[in-house]
Amino acid sequence: MTFPHPPLHCSLGSKGPGLGEHAAASLCLALNSHILFFLSTVKIIGFYIIFYGCLAGVFVGTIQALLLTLSNYKPTWQDRVAPPGLSHTPRSDKSEVSFNLNDVETYLPYTKALKDFMAKYNEDIQKDQMKFEDCTDSPADYKNRGDLESDQGIRKACRFYRNLLGPCSGLDDPDFGFKEGKPCIIVKLNRIVNFRPKPPTSNESIPDEAQHKVQPNVIPIYCTNKREEDAGKIGEIKYHGIGGGFPLQYYPYYGKLLHPQYLQPLLALQFTNLTLNTELRIECKVFGDNIGYSEKDRYQGRFEIKLSINSL
């Protein structure tokens, strides 16, 4: 960067006392150089401040414009949302439930996890008539509570009492069957805003042994041995809940803002006659027209669990 005229006019006749002409000229030129460098630096800094300030303004404006297109209640893009996951409690890192009938400490973590999970389904929490409503104890159609964008505000939640899970409720048996070697597993479909699971309309995708599970207004679930060598070792599996599956009246879910008290319907699996001292692999699946499975996600619409009960 150059200036057409130097900021200082150097005059040899104005040299300071004791300075020769060359020394005075050198001093004047050095001073001019420092001033020019300072002015150049100021201009460069000013340019980048304005430049990056404009970039920041464009970025903030773009984000604000994008936020104006988003809803607080409804996801804008749901065309690629995967079907809901099927999860269970108790749950370990390796999806393995292993304990010894003669050692309470081995199954205590499992029963504690079940007690903590079931606490939010206690009857005293669901008494508020302004937040909860009865949706019948038998399978029914979807509970329509208006559009997500409507002005109805917070929606009521269907009650789901623990006693619907029978011997797996933890009310009469605080050990959830573990003490007797008949452990209970609590299963639920994960939440997806405004998702309505559809019961199967065709039996083609359902195994023959699970055909009896299909009924109106219920998403059926069926569990069986994962490995052929475990056939005959699983014993009877009891399904405790509404309709032996997930009833439709608990759907759709309206999200945390509109449905803060929402309780997912639960299903309890009780394994009543597992072969002892053997590791058994069990797979559970839900069936529905809009529920699929993925090899990349082992919990999408299904899960596998390893059960091992030792008596030695």
C-alpha atoms as a PDB file:
ATOM      1  CA  MET A   1       0.000   0.000   0.000  1.00  0.00           C
ATOM      2  CA  THR A   2       1.435   3.420  -0.983  1.00  0.00           C
ATOM      3  CA  PHE A   3       0.478   7.022  -0.495  1.00  0.00           C
ATOM      4  CA  PRO A   4       0.815   9.703  -3.175  1.00  0.00           C
ATOM      5  CA  HIS A   5       2.347  12.037  -0.650  1.00  0.00           C
ATOM      6  CA  PRO A   6       4.256  11.108   2.511  1.00  0.00           C
ATOM      7  CA  PRO A   7       2.460  12.035   5.734  1.00  0.00           C
ATOM      8  CA  LEU A   8       5.460  14.075   6.857  1.00  0.00           C
ATOM      9  CA  HIS A   9       7.464  16.614   4.851  1.00  0.00           C
ATOM     10  CA  CYS A  10      11.137  16.169   5.485  1.00  0.00           C
ATOM     11  CA  SER A  11      13.092  19.432   5.371  1.00  0.00           C
ATOM     12  CA  LEU A  12      16.874  19.335   5.746  1.00  0.00           C
ATOM     13  CA  GLY A  13      16.777  22.841   7.075  1.00  0.00           C
ATOM     14  CA  SER A  14      14.743  21.737  10.056  1.00  0.00           C
ATOM     15  CA  LYS A  15      17.213  19.248  11.416  1.00  0.00           C
ATOM     16  CA  GLY A  16      17.473  19.021  15.142  1.00  0.00           C
ATOM     17  CA  PRO A  17      20.424  20.213  17.166  1.00  0.00           C
ATOM     18  CA  GLY A  18      23.498  18.013  16.856  1.00  0.00           C
ATOM     19  CA  LEU A  19      22.090  16.071  13.836  1.00  0.00           C
ATOM     20  CA  GLY A  20      23.739  16.085  10.448  1.00  0.00           C
ATOM     21  CA  GLU A  21      21.764  16.390   7.253  1.00  0.00           C
ATOM     22  CA  HIS A  22      21.975  12.685   6.470  1.00  0.00           C
ATOM     23  CA  ALA A  23      20.998  11.689  10.014  1.00  0.00           C
ATOM     24  CA  ALA A  24      18.007  14.019   9.948  1.00  0.00           C
ATOM     25  CA  ALA A  25      16.894  12.690   6.576  1.00  0.00           C
ATOM     26  CA  SER A  26      17.222   9.077   7.776  1.00  0.00           C
ATOM     27  CA  LEU A  27      15.219   9.845  10.912  1.00  0.00           C
ATOM     28  CA  CYS A  28      12.489  11.523   8.893  1.00  0.00           C
ATOM     29  CA  LEU A  29      12.258   8.621   6.429  1.00  0.00           C
ATOM     30  CA  ALA A  30      12.148   6.067   9.248  1.00  0.00           C
ATOM     31  CA  LEU A  31       9.338   7.979  10.907  1.00  0.00           C
ATOM     32  CA  ASN A  32       7.425   8.106   7.633  1.00  0.00           C
ATOM     33  CA  SER A  33       7.890   4.356   7.188  1.00  0.00           C
ATOM     34  CA  HIS A  34       6.472   3.591  10.637  1.00  0.00           C
ATOM     35  CA  ILE A  35       3.485   5.831  10.039  1.00  0.00           C
ATOM     36  CA  LEU A  36       2.771   4.214   6.674  1.00  0.00           C
ATOM     37  CA  PHE A  37       3.000   0.724   8.225  1.00  0.00           C
ATOM     38  CA  PHE A  38       0.628   1.718  11.030  1.00  0.00           C
ATOM     39  CA  LEU A  39      -1.929   3.163   8.608  1.00  0.00           C
ATOM     40  CA  SER A  40      -1.712   0.069   6.384  1.00  0.00           C
ATOM     41  CA  THR A  41      -2.242  -2.230   9.346  1.00  0.00           C
ATOM     42  CA  VAL A  42      -5.258  -0.237  10.503  1.00  0.00           C
ATOM     43  CA  LYS A  43      -6.811  -0.421   7.036  1.00  0.00           C
ATOM     44  CA  ILE A  44      -6.232  -4.181   6.756  1.00  0.00           C
ATOM     45  CA  ILE A  45      -7.697  -4.847  10.213  1.00  0.00           C
ATOM     46  CA  GLY A  46     -10.678  -2.643   9.428  1.00  0.00           C
ATOM     47  CA  PHE A  47     -11.276  -4.457   6.148  1.00  0.00           C
ATOM     48  CA  TYR A  48     -11.332  -7.899   7.784  1.00  0.00           C
ATOM     49  CA  ILE A  49     -13.551  -6.707  10.630  1.00  0.00           C
ATOM     50  CA  ILE A  50     -16.119  -5.462   8.123  1.00  0.00           C
ATOM     51  CA  PHE A  51     -15.711  -8.553   5.914  1.00  0.00           C
ATOM     52  CA  TYR A  52     -16.188 -11.120   8.666  1.00  0.00           C
ATOM     53  CA  GLY A  53     -18.922  -9.012  10.237  1.00  0.00           C
ATOM     54  CA  CYS A  54     -20.865  -9.215   6.970  1.00  0.00           C
ATOM     55  CA  LEU A  55     -20.285 -12.983   6.792  1.00  0.00           C
ATOM     56  CA  ALA A  56     -21.532 -13.390  10.345  1.00  0.00           C
ATOM     57  CA  GLY A  57     -24.594 -11.296   9.521  1.00  0.00           C
ATOM     58  CA  VAL A  58     -25.384 -13.433   6.480  1.00  0.00           C
ATOM     59  CA  PHE A  59     -24.941 -16.639   8.532  1.00  0.00           C
ATOM     60  CA  VAL A  60     -27.159 -15.421  11.387  1.00  0.00           C
ATOM     61  CA  GLY A  61     -29.782 -14.200   8.922  1.00  0.00           C
ATOM     62  CA  THR A  62     -29.817 -17.554   7.135  1.00  0.00           C
ATOM     63  CA  ILE A  63     -30.227 -19.467  10.403  1.00  0.00           C
ATOM     64  CA  GLN A  64     -33.043 -17.151  11.509  1.00  0.00           C
ATOM     65  CA  ALA A  65     -34.813 -17.606   8.171  1.00  0.00           C
ATOM     66  CA  LEU A  66     -34.459 -21.386   8.499  1.00  0.00           C
ATOM     67  CA  LEU A  67     -35.833 -21.373  12.053  1.00  0.00           C
ATOM     68  CA  LEU A  68     -38.932 -19.526  10.831  1.00  0.00           C
ATOM     69  CA  THR A  69     -39.765 -22.544   8.665  1.00  0.00           C
ATOM     70  CA  LEU A  70     -39.540 -25.032  11.557  1.00  0.00           C
ATOM     71  CA  SER A  71     -42.366 -26.012  13.861  1.00  0.00           C
ATOM     72  CA  ASN A  72     -41.970 -26.275  17.624  1.00  0.00           C
ATOM     73  CA  TYR A  73     -44.240 -29.305  17.662  1.00  0.00           C
ATOM     74  CA  LYS A  74     -43.906 -31.212  14.408  1.00  0.00           C
ATOM     75  CA  PRO A  75     -40.711 -32.450  12.698  1.00  0.00           C
ATOM     76  CA  THR A  76     -40.440 -30.812   9.284  1.00  0.00           C
ATOM     77  CA  TRP A  77     -38.985 -33.857   7.535  1.00  0.00           C
ATOM     78  CA  GLN A  78     -40.347 -37.291   8.445  1.00  0.00           C
ATOM     79  CA  ASP A  79     -40.159 -39.010   5.082  1.00  0.00           C
ATOM     80  CA  ARG A  80     -37.024 -40.913   6.106  1.00  0.00           C
ATOM     81  CA  VAL A  81     -37.833 -41.602   9.744  1.00  0.00           C
ATOM     82  CA  ALA A  82     -37.066 -45.227  10.568  1.00  0.00           C
ATOM     83  CA  PRO A  83     -39.720 -47.424  12.182  1.00  0.00           C
ATOM     84  CA  PRO A  84     -39.686 -47.378  15.976  1.00  0.00           C
ATOM     85  CA  GLY A  85     -37.183 -49.359  17.943  1.00  0.00           C
ATOM     86  CA  LEU A  86     -38.226 -52.130  20.283  1.00  0.00           C
ATOM     87  CA  SER A  87     -36.466 -51.859  23.632  1.00  0.00           C
ATOM     88  CA  HIS A  88     -36.583 -53.742  26.883  1.00  0.00           C
ATOM     89  CA  THR A  89     -35.893 -53.379  30.593  1.00  0.00           C
ATOM     90  CA  PRO A  90     -33.672 -54.541  32.248  1.00  0.00           C
ATOM     91  CA  ARG A  91     -31.050 -53.862  29.637  1.00  0.00           C
ATOM     92  CA  SER A  92     -27.315 -54.451  29.688  1.00  0.00           C
ATOM     93  CA  ASP A  93     -24.553 -53.406  27.311  1.00  0.00           C
ATOM     94  CA  LYS A  94     -24.472 -56.843  25.721  1.00  0.00           C
ATOM     95  CA  SER A  95     -28.235 -57.478  25.966  1.00  0.00           C
ATOM     96  CA  GLU A  96     -27.492 -60.292  28.373  1.00  0.00           C
ATOM     97  CA  VAL A  97     -29.446 -61.228  31.488  1.00  0.00           C
ATOM     98  CA  SER A  98     -27.554 -63.746  33.568  1.00  0.00           C
ATOM     99  CA  PHE A  99     -28.034 -64.570  37.248  1.00  0.00           C
ATOM    100  CA  ASN A 100     -27.839 -67.297  39.868  1.00  0.00           C
ATOM    101  CA  LEU A 101     -30.964 -68.434  41.673  1.00  0.00           C
ATOM    102  CA  ASN A 102     -28.988 -68.942  44.879  1.00  0.00           C
ATOM    103  CA  ASP A 103     -27.395 -65.477  44.920  1.00  0.00           C
ATOM    104  CA  VAL A 104     -29.672 -62.463  45.337  1.00  0.00           C
ATOM    105  CA  GLU A 105     -26.865 -60.069  44.449  1.00  0.00           C
ATOM    106  CA  THR A 106     -26.662 -61.470  40.919  1.00  0.00           C
ATOM    107  CA  TYR A 107     -30.217 -60.443  40.010  1.00  0.00           C
ATOM    108  CA  LEU A 108     -30.573 -57.414  42.281  1.00  0.00           C
ATOM    109  CA  PRO A 109     -29.410 -54.962  39.541  1.00  0.00           C
ATOM    110  CA  TYR A 110     -32.123 -56.296  37.229  1.00  0.00           C
ATOM    111  CA  THR A 111     -34.942 -55.984  39.750  1.00  0.00           C
ATOM    112  CA  LYS A 112     -33.747 -52.505  40.731  1.00  0.00           C
ATOM    113  CA  ALA A 113     -33.795 -51.403  37.076  1.00  0.00           C
ATOM    114  CA  LEU A 114     -37.345 -52.720  36.757  1.00  0.00           C
ATOM    115  CA  LYS A 115     -38.497 -50.945  39.934  1.00  0.00           C
ATOM    116  CA  ASP A 116     -36.999 -47.640  38.804  1.00  0.00           C
ATOM    117  CA  PHE A 117     -38.549 -47.954  35.366  1.00  0.00           C
ATOM    118  CA  MET A 118     -42.001 -48.882  36.682  1.00  0.00           C
ATOM    119  CA  ALA A 119     -42.095 -46.040  39.215  1.00  0.00           C
ATOM    120  CA  LYS A 120     -43.491 -43.560  36.663  1.00  0.00           C
ATOM    121  CA  TYR A 121     -46.414 -45.945  36.084  1.00  0.00           C
ATOM    122  CA  ASN A 122     -47.515 -45.821  39.727  1.00  0.00           C
ATOM    123  CA  GLU A 123     -51.218 -45.192  40.154  1.00  0.00           C
ATOM    124  CA  ASP A 124     -50.814 -42.130  42.408  1.00  0.00           C
ATOM    125  CA  ILE A 125     -48.905 -40.287  39.662  1.00  0.00           C
ATOM    126  CA  GLN A 126     -51.810 -40.694  37.219  1.00  0.00           C
ATOM    127  CA  LYS A 127     -54.616 -39.266  39.382  1.00  0.00           C
ATOM    128  CA  ASP A 128     -54.697 -35.736  37.937  1.00  0.00           C
ATOM    129  CA  GLN A 129     -57.841 -35.528  35.773  1.00  0.00           C
ATOM    130  CA  MET A 130     -56.420 -32.531  33.906  1.00  0.00           C
ATOM    131  CA  LYS A 131     -53.386 -34.496  32.725  1.00  0.00           C
ATOM    132  CA  PHE A 132     -54.602 -38.092  32.394  1.00  0.00           C
ATOM    133  CA  GLU A 133     -57.660 -39.878  31.071  1.00  0.00           C
ATOM    134  CA  ASP A 134     -58.919 -43.459  30.933  1.00  0.00           C
ATOM    135  CA  CYS A 135     -58.554 -45.096  27.525  1.00  0.00           C
ATOM    136  CA  THR A 136     -60.048 -48.531  28.399  1.00  0.00           C
ATOM    137  CA  ASP A 137     -58.187 -51.687  29.328  1.00  0.00           C
ATOM    138  CA  SER A 138     -58.959 -53.428  26.055  1.00  0.00           C
ATOM    139  CA  PRO A 139     -57.566 -52.680  22.582  1.00  0.00           C
ATOM    140  CA  ALA A 140     -59.173 -49.701  20.836  1.00  0.00           C
ATOM    141  CA  ASP A 141     -58.585 -47.427  17.854  1.00  0.00           C
ATOM    142  CA  TYR A 142     -56.201 -44.452  17.774  1.00  0.00           C
ATOM    143  CA  LYS A 143     -56.918 -41.673  20.258  1.00  0.00           C
ATOM    144  CA  ASN A 144     -57.210 -38.532  18.141  1.00  0.00           C
ATOM    145  CA  ARG A 145     -56.356 -35.372  20.089  1.00  0.00           C
ATOM    146  CA  GLY A 146     -56.258 -32.931  17.183  1.00  0.00           C
ATOM    147  CA  ASP A 147     -53.544 -31.722  14.872  1.00  0.00           C
ATOM    148  CA  LEU A 148     -50.065 -30.946  16.158  1.00  0.00           C
ATOM    149  CA  GLU A 149     -50.348 -27.335  14.980  1.00  0.00           C
ATOM    150  CA  SER A 150     -53.783 -26.754  16.507  1.00  0.00           C
ATOM    151  CA  ASP A 151     -54.378 -24.413  19.435  1.00  0.00           C
ATOM    152  CA  GLN A 152     -55.556 -27.155  21.808  1.00  0.00           C
ATOM    153  CA  GLY A 153     -52.398 -26.876  23.900  1.00  0.00           C
ATOM    154  CA  ILE A 154     -51.156 -29.668  26.140  1.00  0.00           C
ATOM    155  CA  ARG A 155     -52.880 -33.005  25.502  1.00  0.00           C
ATOM    156  CA  LYS A 156     -53.987 -35.513  28.076  1.00  0.00           C
ATOM    157  CA  ALA A 157     -52.236 -38.858  28.350  1.00  0.00           C
ATOM    158  CA  CYS A 158     -53.846 -42.278  28.552  1.00  0.00           C
ATOM    159  CA  ARG A 159     -53.440 -43.947  31.897  1.00  0.00           C
ATOM    160  CA  PHE A 160     -51.484 -47.174  32.020  1.00  0.00           C
ATOM    161  CA  TYR A 161     -51.558 -48.871  35.410  1.00  0.00           C
ATOM    162  CA  ARG A 162     -48.938 -51.347  36.506  1.00  0.00           C
ATOM    163  CA  ASN A 163     -51.512 -53.984  37.423  1.00  0.00           C
ATOM    164  CA  LEU A 164     -52.134 -54.490  33.693  1.00  0.00           C
ATOM    165  CA  LEU A 165     -48.835 -56.397  33.651  1.00  0.00           C
ATOM    166  CA  GLY A 166     -50.119 -59.020  36.088  1.00  0.00           C
ATOM    167  CA  PRO A 167     -47.384 -60.928  37.964  1.00  0.00           C
ATOM    168  CA  CYS A 168     -44.749 -58.771  36.226  1.00  0.00           C
ATOM    169  CA  SER A 169     -46.084 -55.498  37.656  1.00  0.00           C
ATOM    170  CA  GLY A 170     -43.848 -55.667  40.717  1.00  0.00           C
ATOM    171  CA  LEU A 171     -46.820 -54.949  42.974  1.00  0.00           C
ATOM    172  CA  ASP A 172     -47.200 -58.456  44.397  1.00  0.00           C
ATOM    173  CA  ASP A 173     -43.743 -59.760  43.535  1.00  0.00           C
ATOM    174  CA  PRO A 174     -40.987 -57.164  44.068  1.00  0.00           C
ATOM    175  CA  ASP A 175     -38.499 -59.603  42.527  1.00  0.00           C
ATOM    176  CA  PHE A 176     -40.361 -59.694  39.181  1.00  0.00           C
ATOM    177  CA  GLY A 177     -40.082 -63.496  39.036  1.00  0.00           C
ATOM    178  CA  PHE A 178     -36.278 -63.583  39.220  1.00  0.00           C
ATOM    179  CA  LYS A 179     -36.228 -65.267  42.612  1.00  0.00           C
ATOM    180  CA  GLU A 180     -38.260 -68.200  41.285  1.00  0.00           C
ATOM    181  CA  GLY A 181     -36.370 -68.486  38.005  1.00  0.00           C
ATOM    182  CA  LYS A 182     -39.287 -67.016  36.031  1.00  0.00           C
ATOM    183  CA  PRO A 183     -37.901 -63.603  35.098  1.00  0.00           C
ATOM    184  CA  CYS A 184     -39.973 -60.789  33.612  1.00  0.00           C
ATOM    185  CA  ILE A 185     -38.802 -58.447  30.866  1.00  0.00           C
ATOM    186  CA  ILE A 186     -40.675 -55.183  30.213  1.00  0.00           C
ATOM    187  CA  VAL A 187     -40.927 -54.227  26.535  1.00  0.00           C
ATOM    188  CA  LYS A 188     -41.949 -50.969  24.855  1.00  0.00           C
ATOM    189  CA  LEU A 189     -42.006 -49.345  21.422  1.00  0.00           C
ATOM    190  CA  ASN A 190     -39.833 -46.240  21.302  1.00  0.00           C
ATOM    191  CA  ARG A 191     -41.537 -42.896  20.794  1.00  0.00           C
ATOM    192  CA  ILE A 192     -41.859 -41.197  17.409  1.00  0.00           C
ATOM    193  CA  VAL A 193     -43.810 -37.935  17.180  1.00  0.00           C
ATOM    194  CA  ASN A 194     -47.111 -38.301  15.284  1.00  0.00           C
ATOM    195  CA  PHE A 195     -46.355 -41.923  14.366  1.00  0.00           C
ATOM    196  CA  ARG A 196     -49.309 -44.283  14.080  1.00  0.00           C
ATOM    197  CA  PRO A 197     -48.248 -47.929  14.034  1.00  0.00           C
ATOM    198  CA  LYS A 198     -50.443 -49.965  11.728  1.00  0.00           C
ATOM    199  CA  PRO A 199     -51.448 -53.532  12.617  1.00  0.00           C
ATOM    200  CA  PRO A 200     -50.614 -56.134   9.962  1.00  0.00           C
ATOM    201  CA  THR A 201     -53.293 -56.465   7.276  1.00  0.00           C
ATOM    202  CA  SER A 202     -51.720 -59.606   5.867  1.00  0.00           C
ATOM    203  CA  ASN A 203     -50.444 -62.704   7.596  1.00  0.00           C
ATOM    204  CA  GLU A 204     -47.713 -63.320   5.013  1.00  0.00           C
ATOM    205  CA  SER A 205     -44.999 -61.629   7.084  1.00  0.00           C
ATOM    206  CA  ILE A 206     -45.990 -63.325  10.321  1.00  0.00           C
ATOM    207  CA  PRO A 207     -44.680 -66.799  11.261  1.00  0.00           C
ATOM    208  CA  ASP A 208     -47.302 -69.519  11.462  1.00  0.00           C
ATOM    209  CA  GLU A 209     -46.752 -69.959  15.191  1.00  0.00           C
ATOM    210  CA  ALA A 210     -47.508 -66.243  15.730  1.00  0.00           C
ATOM    211  CA  GLN A 211     -50.711 -66.072  13.681  1.00  0.00           C
ATOM    212  CA  HIS A 212     -52.851 -66.323  16.786  1.00  0.00           C
ATOM    213  CA  LYS A 213     -51.338 -63.056  18.060  1.00  0.00           C
ATOM    214  CA  VAL A 214     -53.036 -60.989  15.333  1.00  0.00           C
ATOM    215  CA  GLN A 215     -56.131 -59.114  16.443  1.00  0.00           C
ATOM    216  CA  PRO A 216     -57.744 -55.719  15.717  1.00  0.00           C
ATOM    217  CA  ASN A 217     -56.242 -52.522  17.176  1.00  0.00           C
ATOM    218  CA  VAL A 218     -53.088 -54.221  18.488  1.00  0.00           C
ATOM    219  CA  ILE A 219     -49.493 -54.293  17.293  1.00  0.00           C
ATOM    220  CA  PRO A 220     -48.606 -57.929  17.985  1.00  0.00           C
ATOM    221  CA  ILE A 221     -45.289 -59.112  19.370  1.00  0.00           C
ATOM    222  CA  TYR A 222     -43.870 -62.592  19.296  1.00  0.00           C
ATOM    223  CA  CYS A 223     -40.733 -64.088  20.847  1.00  0.00           C
ATOM    224  CA  THR A 224     -38.999 -67.333  20.007  1.00  0.00           C
ATOM    225  CA  ASN A 225     -35.599 -69.010  20.049  1.00  0.00           C
ATOM    226  CA  LYS A 226     -32.968 -67.363  17.858  1.00  0.00           C
ATOM    227  CA  ARG A 227     -30.861 -70.502  17.375  1.00  0.00           C
ATOM    228  CA  GLU A 228     -32.169 -73.853  16.229  1.00  0.00           C
ATOM    229  CA  GLU A 229     -30.319 -75.648  18.995  1.00  0.00           C
ATOM    230  CA  ASP A 230     -32.358 -73.691  21.560  1.00  0.00           C
ATOM    231  CA  ALA A 231     -35.667 -75.027  20.266  1.00  0.00           C
ATOM    232  CA  GLY A 232     -37.524 -76.745  23.091  1.00  0.00           C
ATOM    233  CA  LYS A 233     -35.371 -75.079  25.754  1.00  0.00           C
ATOM    234  CA  ILE A 234     -37.252 -71.779  26.003  1.00  0.00           C
ATOM    235  CA  GLY A 235     -40.468 -73.132  27.444  1.00  0.00           C
ATOM    236  CA  GLU A 236     -43.661 -71.103  27.727  1.00  0.00           C
ATOM    237  CA  ILE A 237     -43.529 -67.329  27.338  1.00  0.00           C
ATOM    238  CA  LYS A 238     -46.429 -65.391  28.829  1.00  0.00           C
ATOM    239  CA  TYR A 239     -47.418 -61.984  27.450  1.00  0.00           C
ATOM    240  CA  HIS A 240     -48.903 -59.645  30.040  1.00  0.00           C
ATOM    241  CA  GLY A 241     -50.475 -56.380  28.943  1.00  0.00           C
ATOM    242  CA  ILE A 242     -53.393 -55.048  26.919  1.00  0.00           C
ATOM    243  CA  GLY A 243     -54.188 -57.524  24.175  1.00  0.00           C
ATOM    244  CA  GLY A 244     -50.793 -59.168  24.458  1.00  0.00           C
ATOM    245  CA  GLY A 245     -49.230 -56.374  22.406  1.00  0.00           C
ATOM    246  CA  PHE A 246     -49.280 -52.589  21.964  1.00  0.00           C
ATOM    247  CA  PRO A 247     -52.844 -51.162  21.740  1.00  0.00           C
ATOM    248  CA  LEU A 248     -53.507 -48.349  19.275  1.00  0.00           C
ATOM    249  CA  GLN A 249     -55.355 -46.015  21.675  1.00  0.00           C
ATOM    250  CA  TYR A 250     -51.979 -44.909  23.071  1.00  0.00           C
ATOM    251  CA  TYR A 251     -51.022 -43.446  19.692  1.00  0.00           C
ATOM    252  CA  PRO A 252     -50.103 -40.998  18.285  1.00  0.00           C
ATOM    253  CA  TYR A 253     -47.557 -39.369  20.550  1.00  0.00           C
ATOM    254  CA  TYR A 254     -47.605 -35.557  20.336  1.00  0.00           C
ATOM    255  CA  GLY A 255     -44.091 -34.786  21.582  1.00  0.00           C
ATOM    256  CA  LYS A 256     -42.638 -33.495  24.835  1.00  0.00           C
ATOM    257  CA  LEU A 257     -44.151 -30.007  24.577  1.00  0.00           C
ATOM    258  CA  LEU A 258     -47.723 -31.112  23.880  1.00  0.00           C
ATOM    259  CA  HIS A 259     -47.665 -34.524  25.566  1.00  0.00           C
ATOM    260  CA  PRO A 260     -45.411 -34.157  28.643  1.00  0.00           C
ATOM    261  CA  GLN A 261     -47.261 -36.793  30.700  1.00  0.00           C
ATOM    262  CA  TYR A 262     -47.365 -39.408  27.947  1.00  0.00           C
ATOM    263  CA  LEU A 263     -46.973 -43.019  29.044  1.00  0.00           C
ATOM    264  CA  GLN A 264     -46.027 -45.642  26.490  1.00  0.00           C
ATOM    265  CA  PRO A 265     -48.031 -48.857  26.631  1.00  0.00           C
ATOM    266  CA  LEU A 266     -45.958 -51.666  28.067  1.00  0.00           C
ATOM    267  CA  LEU A 267     -45.845 -55.386  27.568  1.00  0.00           C
ATOM    268  CA  ALA A 268     -44.324 -57.829  30.043  1.00  0.00           C
ATOM    269  CA  LEU A 269     -42.703 -61.043  28.901  1.00  0.00           C
ATOM    270  CA  GLN A 270     -42.430 -63.753  31.502  1.00  0.00           C
ATOM    271  CA  PHE A 271     -40.252 -66.770  30.812  1.00  0.00           C
ATOM    272  CA  THR A 272     -41.814 -69.467  32.963  1.00  0.00           C
ATOM    273  CA  ASN A 273     -39.792 -72.563  32.108  1.00  0.00           C
ATOM    274  CA  LEU A 274     -36.314 -71.743  30.834  1.00  0.00           C
ATOM    275  CA  THR A 275     -33.748 -74.515  30.746  1.00  0.00           C
ATOM    276  CA  LEU A 276     -31.324 -73.876  33.592  1.00  0.00           C
ATOM    277  CA  ASN A 277     -27.540 -73.636  33.366  1.00  0.00           C
ATOM    278  CA  THR A 278     -27.721 -72.913  29.630  1.00  0.00           C
ATOM    279  CA  GLU A 279     -27.266 -69.719  27.642  1.00  0.00           C
ATOM    280  CA  LEU A 280     -30.368 -69.158  25.542  1.00  0.00           C
ATOM    281  CA  ARG A 281     -30.760 -66.608  22.754  1.00  0.00           C
ATOM    282  CA  ILE A 282     -34.248 -65.231  22.222  1.00  0.00           C
ATOM    283  CA  GLU A 283     -35.520 -62.889  19.518  1.00  0.00           C
ATOM    284  CA  CYS A 284     -38.652 -60.758  19.863  1.00  0.00           C
ATOM    285  CA  LYS A 285     -40.360 -58.975  16.965  1.00  0.00           C
ATOM    286  CA  VAL A 286     -43.323 -56.665  16.530  1.00  0.00           C
ATOM    287  CA  PHE A 287     -45.397 -56.918  13.365  1.00  0.00           C
ATOM    288  CA  GLY A 288     -47.066 -54.067  11.502  1.00  0.00           C
ATOM    289  CA  ASP A 289     -47.586 -52.713   8.005  1.00  0.00           C
ATOM    290  CA  ASN A 290     -45.303 -49.729   8.677  1.00  0.00           C
ATOM    291  CA  ILE A 291     -42.807 -51.497  10.934  1.00  0.00           C
ATOM    292  CA  GLY A 292     -39.723 -52.965   9.319  1.00  0.00           C
ATOM    293  CA  TYR A 293     -36.368 -54.389  10.313  1.00  0.00           C
ATOM    294  CA  SER A 294     -32.787 -53.457   9.543  1.00  0.00           C
ATOM    295  CA  GLU A 295     -29.596 -55.472   9.696  1.00  0.00           C
ATOM    296  CA  LYS A 296     -27.764 -52.274  10.675  1.00  0.00           C
ATOM    297  CA  ASP A 297     -30.013 -51.627  13.668  1.00  0.00           C
ATOM    298  CA  ARG A 298     -30.722 -54.682  15.786  1.00  0.00           C
ATOM    299  CA  TYR A 299     -33.381 -52.800  17.807  1.00  0.00           C
ATOM    300  CA  GLN A 300     -35.489 -51.605  14.872  1.00  0.00           C
ATOM    301  CA  GLY A 301     -38.773 -53.422  15.326  1.00  0.00           C
ATOM    302  CA  ARG A 302     -37.055 -56.244  17.196  1.00  0.00           C
ATOM    303  CA  PHE A 303     -34.401 -57.156  19.747  1.00  0.00           C
ATOM    304  CA  GLU A 304     -32.322 -60.125  20.797  1.00  0.00           C
ATOM    305  CA  ILE A 305     -31.534 -61.069  24.354  1.00  0.00           C
ATOM    306  CA  LYS A 306     -29.368 -63.700  26.000  1.00  0.00           C
ATOM    307  CA  LEU A 307     -30.859 -65.393  29.058  1.00  0.00           C
ATOM    308  CA  SER A 308     -28.877 -67.569  31.406  1.00  0.00           C
ATOM    309  CA  ILE A 309     -30.190 -68.858  34.748  1.00  0.00           C
ATOM    310  CA  ASN A 310     -27.745 -70.789  36.884  1.00  0.00           C
ATOM    311  CA  SER A 311     -28.760 -73.015  39.759  1.00  0.00           C
ATOM    312  CA  LEU A 312     -25.401 -74.510  40.691  1.00  0.00           C
END
